[in-house]
Amino acid sequence: MTGACLLAGRTAALIPAAGSGTRLGRGPKAFVDVAGVSLLVRSVAALAPLVDEVLVALPAGMDLPPGLPARAVEGGETRQESVARLLAATDADVVLVHDAARPFLPGAVVGALLEAVAETGAATAALPVADTLVRGEGGLWAGGVPREGLWGVQTPQAFRRELLLRAHADARAQGVAATDDAGLVARLGFPVRLVPGDAQLFKVTTPGDLALAEALARVWDAGGQ
């Protein structure tokens, strides 16, 4: 539990894995294999040595693979609801929320997040945007968008559990939906530290992503990450 030692109290990793994986078209995305190992198993294996416990939200009626060092809860209809159920299932002081579809997680990113959350209460992995950005109108180039100061958000995201519980409760009361948990915390006015992520932390969403993941898995599985 190297990463957990950076903070007083217990640390839990929460993996909302109840999504259907529609764009991949291979059933629940977390159970899709990459080089013979599912996205979920890879993500749990990356997190388990760094935290005190791992919890996974699964689709109704599904179970964790045998021997996986994690606990399961039934997920909700949305990612946001699944995270809320995971938060209710742990009493850890600090939580890391991570997408199972980002299986290539360097331990150094987790360590940096745990250091940052000790200072600010909330942090997310992110990368500065490197591509040229434009607005499109009717399929045509409609003007450039300055990329200075823009970051692409990744996971894990780390929080003091009580802060994230408050953010979820407020969002639920106001009928607010967000694409990630850091957005829920930021809307309350709390600072969210941006911690440098890693290009390997891309999200497996499309068949093209899966092909890239297959290639990268061969490197990781050979110990070359």
Protein backbone atom coordinates (compact mmCIF):
# COMPACT_ATOMS: atom_id res chain seq x y z
CA MET A 1 0.00 0.00 0.00
CA THR A 2 2.76 2.42 -0.95
CA GLY A 3 0.45 5.19 -2.15
CA ALA A 4 -1.88 4.91 0.84
CA CYS A 5 1.03 5.66 3.16
CA LEU A 6 1.20 9.23 1.83
CA LEU A 7 -1.99 10.06 3.75
CA ALA A 8 -3.34 9.51 7.20
CA GLY A 9 -6.39 7.27 7.17
CA ARG A 10 -7.64 4.72 4.66
CA THR A 11 -7.67 4.99 0.89
CA ALA A 12 -10.09 3.24 -1.47
CA ALA A 13 -10.19 2.93 -5.24
CA LEU A 14 -13.69 3.13 -6.73
CA ILE A 15 -14.27 1.75 -10.22
CA PRO A 16 -17.68 2.46 -11.80
CA ALA A 17 -17.87 -0.44 -14.27
CA ALA A 18 -21.61 -0.82 -14.88
CA GLY A 19 -21.61 0.71 -18.36
CA SER A 20 -22.85 -1.16 -21.41
CA GLY A 21 -19.96 -0.37 -23.76
CA THR A 22 -22.28 0.42 -26.67
CA ARG A 23 -19.61 1.89 -28.96
CA LEU A 24 -17.38 -1.18 -28.66
CA GLY A 25 -20.33 -3.50 -29.19
CA ARG A 26 -18.84 -6.32 -27.10
CA GLY A 27 -21.07 -6.29 -24.04
CA PRO A 28 -20.17 -4.60 -20.74
CA LYS A 29 -16.97 -2.72 -21.55
CA ALA A 30 -15.15 -3.51 -18.33
CA PHE A 31 -15.20 -7.20 -19.24
CA VAL A 32 -13.71 -6.74 -22.72
CA ASP A 33 -10.38 -8.55 -23.04
CA VAL A 34 -7.16 -6.81 -24.01
CA ALA A 35 -4.48 -9.38 -24.86
CA GLY A 36 -6.38 -12.01 -22.90
CA VAL A 37 -6.95 -9.93 -19.75
CA SER A 38 -10.09 -7.85 -19.20
CA LEU A 39 -9.99 -4.08 -18.82
CA LEU A 40 -11.40 -4.46 -15.32
CA VAL A 41 -8.80 -6.98 -14.18
CA ARG A 42 -6.01 -4.78 -15.52
CA SER A 43 -7.34 -1.70 -13.73
CA VAL A 44 -7.84 -3.51 -10.42
CA ALA A 45 -4.35 -5.01 -10.65
CA ALA A 46 -2.87 -1.53 -11.14
CA LEU A 47 -4.72 -0.02 -8.17
CA ALA A 48 -4.86 -2.79 -5.57
CA PRO A 49 -1.20 -2.52 -4.43
CA LEU A 50 -1.54 1.24 -3.92
CA VAL A 51 -4.71 1.50 -1.80
CA ASP A 52 -6.36 -0.20 1.17
CA GLU A 53 -9.35 -1.52 -0.78
CA VAL A 54 -10.85 -1.60 -4.27
CA LEU A 55 -14.60 -1.44 -4.89
CA VAL A 56 -16.25 -2.04 -8.26
CA ALA A 57 -19.78 -1.13 -9.38
CA LEU A 58 -21.03 -3.85 -11.74
CA PRO A 59 -24.12 -4.31 -13.91
CA ALA A 60 -27.00 -6.04 -12.12
CA GLY A 61 -26.56 -9.80 -12.07
CA MET A 62 -22.82 -9.79 -12.81
CA ASP A 63 -20.02 -10.92 -10.50
CA LEU A 64 -16.35 -10.13 -10.20
CA PRO A 65 -13.90 -12.58 -11.74
CA PRO A 66 -12.73 -15.18 -9.18
CA GLY A 67 -9.76 -14.13 -7.09
CA LEU A 68 -9.89 -10.45 -7.97
CA PRO A 69 -8.82 -8.37 -4.93
CA ALA A 70 -11.94 -6.18 -4.89
CA ARG A 71 -15.48 -5.88 -3.54
CA ALA A 72 -18.50 -5.48 -5.78
CA VAL A 73 -21.64 -3.36 -5.47
CA GLU A 74 -24.52 -3.15 -7.92
CA GLY A 75 -24.11 -0.14 -10.16
CA GLY A 76 -26.72 2.48 -11.00
CA GLU A 77 -28.30 3.56 -14.25
CA THR A 78 -25.67 6.28 -14.73
CA ARG A 79 -21.98 6.57 -13.93
CA GLN A 80 -22.79 9.28 -11.40
CA GLU A 81 -25.21 7.00 -9.57
CA SER A 82 -22.70 4.17 -9.59
CA VAL A 83 -20.05 6.39 -7.98
CA ALA A 84 -22.56 7.48 -5.33
CA ARG A 85 -23.24 3.83 -4.48
CA LEU A 86 -19.51 3.11 -4.29
CA LEU A 87 -19.01 6.08 -1.95
CA ALA A 88 -21.76 4.74 0.32
CA ALA A 89 -20.07 1.32 0.42
CA THR A 90 -16.76 2.50 1.88
CA ASP A 91 -15.66 4.45 4.94
CA ALA A 92 -12.24 5.33 3.52
CA ASP A 93 -10.94 8.82 4.18
CA VAL A 94 -9.69 9.29 0.61
CA VAL A 95 -11.12 7.81 -2.58
CA LEU A 96 -9.69 7.42 -6.06
CA VAL A 97 -12.33 7.20 -8.80
CA HIS A 98 -11.02 5.44 -11.90
CA ASP A 99 -12.47 4.29 -15.22
CA ALA A 100 -11.94 0.59 -15.86
CA ALA A 101 -11.55 1.55 -19.52
CA ARG A 102 -8.21 3.23 -18.71
CA PRO A 103 -6.25 0.07 -17.88
CA PHE A 104 -2.68 1.32 -18.30
CA LEU A 105 -2.20 3.24 -15.05
CA PRO A 106 1.34 4.18 -13.99
CA GLY A 107 1.82 4.02 -10.23
CA ALA A 108 3.56 7.39 -10.25
CA VAL A 109 0.30 9.08 -11.30
CA VAL A 110 -1.50 7.58 -8.30
CA GLY A 111 1.27 8.72 -5.96
CA ALA A 112 1.10 12.28 -7.31
CA LEU A 113 -2.68 12.35 -6.91
CA LEU A 114 -2.50 11.22 -3.29
CA GLU A 115 0.06 13.90 -2.52
CA ALA A 116 -2.09 16.56 -4.18
CA VAL A 117 -5.34 15.56 -2.50
CA ALA A 118 -3.67 15.85 0.89
CA GLU A 119 -3.22 19.56 0.12
CA THR A 120 -6.38 20.52 -1.78
CA GLY A 121 -8.97 17.82 -1.06
CA ALA A 122 -9.51 17.12 -4.78
CA ALA A 123 -7.22 16.35 -7.72
CA THR A 124 -7.43 14.80 -11.16
CA ALA A 125 -4.99 13.40 -13.65
CA ALA A 126 -4.95 15.51 -16.81
CA LEU A 127 -2.78 16.34 -19.81
CA PRO A 128 -2.33 19.71 -21.54
CA VAL A 129 -4.11 19.73 -24.90
CA ALA A 130 -1.53 19.28 -27.68
CA ASP A 131 -3.74 19.20 -30.78
CA THR A 132 -4.95 22.20 -32.76
CA LEU A 133 -8.55 22.93 -31.78
CA VAL A 134 -11.24 24.36 -34.07
CA ARG A 135 -14.95 25.03 -34.00
CA GLY A 136 -17.00 23.25 -36.61
CA GLU A 137 -20.20 24.48 -38.26
CA GLY A 138 -21.98 22.28 -40.78
CA GLY A 139 -18.91 20.11 -41.16
CA LEU A 140 -16.70 23.11 -42.02
CA TRP A 141 -13.82 24.81 -40.22
CA ALA A 142 -15.39 27.76 -38.39
CA GLY A 143 -12.43 29.19 -36.51
CA GLY A 144 -9.62 28.20 -34.23
CA VAL A 145 -9.84 27.78 -30.46
CA PRO A 146 -6.76 28.77 -28.42
CA ARG A 147 -5.42 25.69 -26.64
CA GLU A 148 -3.35 27.57 -24.07
CA GLY A 149 -4.51 26.63 -20.60
CA LEU A 150 -6.70 23.75 -21.84
CA TRP A 151 -6.29 20.29 -20.34
CA GLY A 152 -7.76 16.92 -21.22
CA VAL A 153 -9.12 15.28 -18.08
CA GLN A 154 -8.24 11.66 -17.32
CA THR A 155 -8.72 9.37 -14.34
CA PRO A 156 -7.97 8.55 -11.60
CA GLN A 157 -9.47 11.46 -9.73
CA ALA A 158 -8.75 11.69 -6.01
CA PHE A 159 -10.89 13.23 -3.27
CA ARG A 160 -11.41 13.48 0.41
CA ARG A 161 -14.44 11.22 0.65
CA GLU A 162 -16.51 13.68 2.67
CA LEU A 163 -15.97 16.36 0.01
CA LEU A 164 -17.07 14.09 -2.81
CA LEU A 165 -20.10 12.93 -0.81
CA ARG A 166 -21.11 16.58 -0.39
CA ALA A 167 -20.64 17.26 -4.11
CA HIS A 168 -22.76 14.27 -5.08
CA ALA A 169 -25.50 15.16 -2.61
CA ASP A 170 -25.70 18.72 -3.93
CA ALA A 171 -25.76 17.55 -7.54
CA ARG A 172 -28.55 15.10 -6.76
CA ALA A 173 -30.59 17.78 -5.00
CA GLN A 174 -30.13 20.22 -7.90
CA GLY A 175 -30.65 17.67 -10.67
CA VAL A 176 -27.14 18.28 -12.00
CA ALA A 177 -25.30 15.69 -14.11
CA ALA A 178 -21.56 15.80 -14.84
CA THR A 179 -19.23 13.74 -16.96
CA ASP A 180 -16.82 13.27 -14.08
CA ASP A 181 -16.58 13.72 -10.33
CA ALA A 182 -14.07 16.56 -10.37
CA GLY A 183 -16.68 18.62 -12.19
CA LEU A 184 -19.13 18.08 -9.34
CA VAL A 185 -16.56 19.27 -6.80
CA ALA A 186 -15.50 22.27 -8.91
CA ARG A 187 -19.11 23.49 -9.30
CA LEU A 188 -19.23 23.94 -5.52
CA GLY A 189 -16.25 26.28 -5.71
CA PHE A 190 -13.62 23.94 -4.26
CA PRO A 191 -10.18 23.80 -5.90
CA VAL A 192 -9.28 20.76 -7.98
CA ARG A 193 -5.55 20.25 -8.53
CA LEU A 194 -4.49 19.22 -12.03
CA VAL A 195 -1.86 16.49 -11.76
CA PRO A 196 0.11 15.49 -14.88
CA GLY A 197 -1.35 12.27 -16.23
CA ASP A 198 0.08 10.00 -18.88
CA ALA A 199 -0.59 9.43 -22.58
CA GLN A 200 -0.93 5.72 -21.79
CA LEU A 201 -4.03 6.55 -19.73
CA PHE A 202 -6.21 6.84 -22.83
CA LYS A 203 -9.78 5.57 -22.57
CA VAL A 204 -10.69 2.45 -24.54
CA THR A 205 -13.95 3.50 -26.19
CA THR A 206 -13.85 2.60 -29.87
CA PRO A 207 -12.54 -0.39 -31.87
CA GLY A 208 -9.55 1.77 -32.81
CA ASP A 209 -8.76 2.37 -29.15
CA LEU A 210 -8.99 -1.37 -28.53
CA ALA A 211 -6.45 -2.08 -31.27
CA LEU A 212 -4.05 0.43 -29.71
CA ALA A 213 -4.63 -1.12 -26.29
CA GLU A 214 -3.78 -4.57 -27.66
CA ALA A 215 -0.43 -3.27 -28.88
CA LEU A 216 0.34 -1.43 -25.64
CA ALA A 217 -0.65 -4.45 -23.55
CA ARG A 218 2.15 -6.48 -25.09
CA VAL A 219 4.63 -3.89 -23.81
CA TRP A 220 3.06 -3.69 -20.35
CA ASP A 221 2.76 -7.44 -19.96
CA ALA A 222 6.44 -7.78 -20.82
CA GLY A 223 7.29 -5.37 -18.01
CA GLY A 224 8.16 -2.48 -20.28
CA GLN A 225 5.74 0.16 -18.97
